[in-house]
Amino acid sequence: MSYSKDLRESVIKFVIKENNSMRSASMIFGIHYNTIKEWVKIFKETGKLSPKPIPGKQPTKINLFSLEKQVFEHPDWFQHEHAKIFKVTQSAISKALAKLGITYKKNISL
């Protein structure tokens, strides 16, 4: 859960601009001391109050429509070959293929 920007502003104002301690801010606002400490650190470094991006929630680089088209045009390619085209890792291709429902393994007959 991410705290609202208004709450972050109030805490930063209380701690930095009004010269109060982080411990008292923790008790007054009901937020853990370490959270406030991190907000103050980020504010002093960047001057911003926005939360850090959540790991694993970044937008995908792979256009699923393009990947599906690529797979049907080149069904004999390995995942790492598709990965080079899309400039991503093989595991990213694997996950995207699973989203598309393309999870079969190749049957190589000699």
C-alpha atoms as a PDB file:
ATOM      1  CA  MET A   1       0.000   0.000   0.000  1.00  0.00           C
ATOM      2  CA  SER A   2       1.242   3.451  -0.864  1.00  0.00           C
ATOM      3  CA  TYR A   3       0.559   6.442   1.369  1.00  0.00           C
ATOM      4  CA  SER A   4      -1.106   9.503  -0.176  1.00  0.00           C
ATOM      5  CA  LYS A   5       0.961  12.429  -1.362  1.00  0.00           C
ATOM      6  CA  ASP A   6      -0.911  14.740   1.045  1.00  0.00           C
ATOM      7  CA  LEU A   7       0.113  12.612   4.017  1.00  0.00           C
ATOM      8  CA  ARG A   8       3.714  12.511   2.840  1.00  0.00           C
ATOM      9  CA  GLU A   9       3.713  16.305   2.482  1.00  0.00           C
ATOM     10  CA  SER A  10       2.296  16.735   5.982  1.00  0.00           C
ATOM     11  CA  VAL A  11       4.928  14.456   7.494  1.00  0.00           C
ATOM     12  CA  ILE A  12       7.817  16.112   5.604  1.00  0.00           C
ATOM     13  CA  LYS A  13       6.536  19.555   6.620  1.00  0.00           C
ATOM     14  CA  PHE A  14       6.261  18.437  10.249  1.00  0.00           C
ATOM     15  CA  VAL A  15       9.756  16.923  10.317  1.00  0.00           C
ATOM     16  CA  ILE A  16      11.859  19.165   8.083  1.00  0.00           C
ATOM     17  CA  LYS A  17      10.155  22.546   7.954  1.00  0.00           C
ATOM     18  CA  GLU A  18       8.865  22.609  11.538  1.00  0.00           C
ATOM     19  CA  ASN A  19      12.011  20.935  12.941  1.00  0.00           C
ATOM     20  CA  ASN A  20      10.260  18.093  14.784  1.00  0.00           C
ATOM     21  CA  SER A  21      11.718  14.652  15.325  1.00  0.00           C
ATOM     22  CA  MET A  22      10.921  11.648  13.180  1.00  0.00           C
ATOM     23  CA  ARG A  23       9.972   9.717  16.339  1.00  0.00           C
ATOM     24  CA  SER A  24       7.303  12.257  17.275  1.00  0.00           C
ATOM     25  CA  ALA A  25       6.045  12.281  13.679  1.00  0.00           C
ATOM     26  CA  SER A  26       5.805   8.497  13.861  1.00  0.00           C
ATOM     27  CA  MET A  27       3.616   8.657  16.956  1.00  0.00           C
ATOM     28  CA  ILE A  28       1.447  11.542  15.752  1.00  0.00           C
ATOM     29  CA  PHE A  29       0.817  10.273  12.226  1.00  0.00           C
ATOM     30  CA  GLY A  30       0.811   6.554  13.094  1.00  0.00           C
ATOM     31  CA  ILE A  31       3.477   5.696  10.533  1.00  0.00           C
ATOM     32  CA  HIS A  32       6.501   3.527  11.253  1.00  0.00           C
ATOM     33  CA  TYR A  33       9.709   5.419  12.028  1.00  0.00           C
ATOM     34  CA  ASN A  34      11.648   3.663   9.237  1.00  0.00           C
ATOM     35  CA  THR A  35       9.050   4.745   6.665  1.00  0.00           C
ATOM     36  CA  ILE A  36       9.375   8.377   7.727  1.00  0.00           C
ATOM     37  CA  LYS A  37      13.155   8.080   7.750  1.00  0.00           C
ATOM     38  CA  GLU A  38      13.047   6.795   4.147  1.00  0.00           C
ATOM     39  CA  TRP A  39      10.707   9.621   3.062  1.00  0.00           C
ATOM     40  CA  VAL A  40      13.004  12.233   4.583  1.00  0.00           C
ATOM     41  CA  LYS A  41      16.026  10.652   2.909  1.00  0.00           C
ATOM     42  CA  ILE A  42      14.299  10.594  -0.496  1.00  0.00           C
ATOM     43  CA  PHE A  43      13.062  14.176  -0.066  1.00  0.00           C
ATOM     44  CA  LYS A  44      16.544  15.437   0.831  1.00  0.00           C
ATOM     45  CA  GLU A  45      18.106  13.598  -2.137  1.00  0.00           C
ATOM     46  CA  THR A  46      15.518  14.353  -4.810  1.00  0.00           C
ATOM     47  CA  GLY A  47      13.253  17.092  -3.481  1.00  0.00           C
ATOM     48  CA  LYS A  48      10.261  14.916  -4.404  1.00  0.00           C
ATOM     49  CA  LEU A  49       7.723  13.010  -2.364  1.00  0.00           C
ATOM     50  CA  SER A  50       6.539  10.484  -4.933  1.00  0.00           C
ATOM     51  CA  PRO A  51       6.815   6.838  -3.943  1.00  0.00           C
ATOM     52  CA  LYS A  52       9.411   4.554  -5.488  1.00  0.00           C
ATOM     53  CA  PRO A  53       8.143   2.337  -8.295  1.00  0.00           C
ATOM     54  CA  ILE A  54       7.080  -1.119  -7.174  1.00  0.00           C
ATOM     55  CA  PRO A  55       9.522  -3.784  -8.393  1.00  0.00           C
ATOM     56  CA  GLY A  56       8.035  -6.064 -11.006  1.00  0.00           C
ATOM     57  CA  LYS A  57       5.319  -3.598 -11.971  1.00  0.00           C
ATOM     58  CA  GLN A  58       7.146  -1.885 -14.789  1.00  0.00           C
ATOM     59  CA  PRO A  59       5.361  -1.836 -18.133  1.00  0.00           C
ATOM     60  CA  THR A  60       6.297  -4.604 -20.511  1.00  0.00           C
ATOM     61  CA  LYS A  61       8.540  -3.973 -23.483  1.00  0.00           C
ATOM     62  CA  ILE A  62       6.953  -6.772 -25.469  1.00  0.00           C
ATOM     63  CA  ASN A  63       3.999  -6.028 -27.696  1.00  0.00           C
ATOM     64  CA  LEU A  64       2.013  -9.253 -27.362  1.00  0.00           C
ATOM     65  CA  PHE A  65       0.380  -8.846 -30.775  1.00  0.00           C
ATOM     66  CA  SER A  66       3.782  -8.476 -32.443  1.00  0.00           C
ATOM     67  CA  LEU A  67       5.164 -11.448 -30.520  1.00  0.00           C
ATOM     68  CA  GLU A  68       2.242 -13.642 -31.545  1.00  0.00           C
ATOM     69  CA  LYS A  69       2.724 -12.634 -35.186  1.00  0.00           C
ATOM     70  CA  GLN A  70       6.460 -13.302 -34.916  1.00  0.00           C
ATOM     71  CA  VAL A  71       5.892 -16.770 -33.438  1.00  0.00           C
ATOM     72  CA  PHE A  72       3.460 -17.776 -36.175  1.00  0.00           C
ATOM     73  CA  GLU A  73       5.798 -16.463 -38.885  1.00  0.00           C
ATOM     74  CA  HIS A  74       8.775 -18.308 -37.358  1.00  0.00           C
ATOM     75  CA  PRO A  75       7.409 -21.317 -35.447  1.00  0.00           C
ATOM     76  CA  ASP A  76      10.777 -23.073 -35.517  1.00  0.00           C
ATOM     77  CA  TRP A  77      12.645 -20.320 -33.657  1.00  0.00           C
ATOM     78  CA  PHE A  78      13.760 -20.773 -30.086  1.00  0.00           C
ATOM     79  CA  GLN A  79      12.687 -18.338 -27.373  1.00  0.00           C
ATOM     80  CA  HIS A  80      16.148 -16.791 -27.164  1.00  0.00           C
ATOM     81  CA  GLU A  81      15.924 -15.959 -30.893  1.00  0.00           C
ATOM     82  CA  HIS A  82      12.634 -14.128 -30.360  1.00  0.00           C
ATOM     83  CA  ALA A  83      14.210 -12.418 -27.345  1.00  0.00           C
ATOM     84  CA  LYS A  84      16.945 -10.927 -29.545  1.00  0.00           C
ATOM     85  CA  ILE A  85      14.341  -9.421 -31.858  1.00  0.00           C
ATOM     86  CA  PHE A  86      12.417  -7.805 -28.970  1.00  0.00           C
ATOM     87  CA  LYS A  87      15.606  -6.939 -27.034  1.00  0.00           C
ATOM     88  CA  VAL A  88      14.468  -8.728 -23.875  1.00  0.00           C
ATOM     89  CA  THR A  89      15.495 -11.847 -21.984  1.00  0.00           C
ATOM     90  CA  GLN A  90      14.414 -15.366 -22.846  1.00  0.00           C
ATOM     91  CA  SER A  91      12.420 -15.555 -19.602  1.00  0.00           C
ATOM     92  CA  ALA A  92      10.458 -12.426 -20.618  1.00  0.00           C
ATOM     93  CA  ILE A  93       9.532 -14.148 -23.878  1.00  0.00           C
ATOM     94  CA  SER A  94       8.539 -17.265 -21.963  1.00  0.00           C
ATOM     95  CA  LYS A  95       6.208 -15.267 -19.693  1.00  0.00           C
ATOM     96  CA  ALA A  96       4.712 -13.368 -22.633  1.00  0.00           C
ATOM     97  CA  LEU A  97       4.072 -16.618 -24.501  1.00  0.00           C
ATOM     98  CA  ALA A  98       2.344 -18.020 -21.430  1.00  0.00           C
ATOM     99  CA  LYS A  99       0.071 -14.929 -21.375  1.00  0.00           C
ATOM    100  CA  LEU A 100      -0.758 -15.626 -24.999  1.00  0.00           C
ATOM    101  CA  GLY A 101      -1.483 -19.272 -24.226  1.00  0.00           C
ATOM    102  CA  ILE A 102       1.398 -20.475 -26.386  1.00  0.00           C
ATOM    103  CA  THR A 103       3.011 -22.901 -23.963  1.00  0.00           C
ATOM    104  CA  TYR A 104       3.697 -25.957 -26.084  1.00  0.00           C
ATOM    105  CA  LYS A 105       7.131 -27.462 -26.509  1.00  0.00           C
ATOM    106  CA  LYS A 106       8.501 -28.323 -29.914  1.00  0.00           C
ATOM    107  CA  ASN A 107       8.570 -31.938 -30.996  1.00  0.00           C
ATOM    108  CA  ILE A 108      11.809 -32.407 -32.823  1.00  0.00           C
ATOM    109  CA  SER A 109      11.797 -35.514 -34.948  1.00  0.00           C
ATOM    110  CA  LEU A 110      15.038 -36.803 -36.388  1.00  0.00           C
END
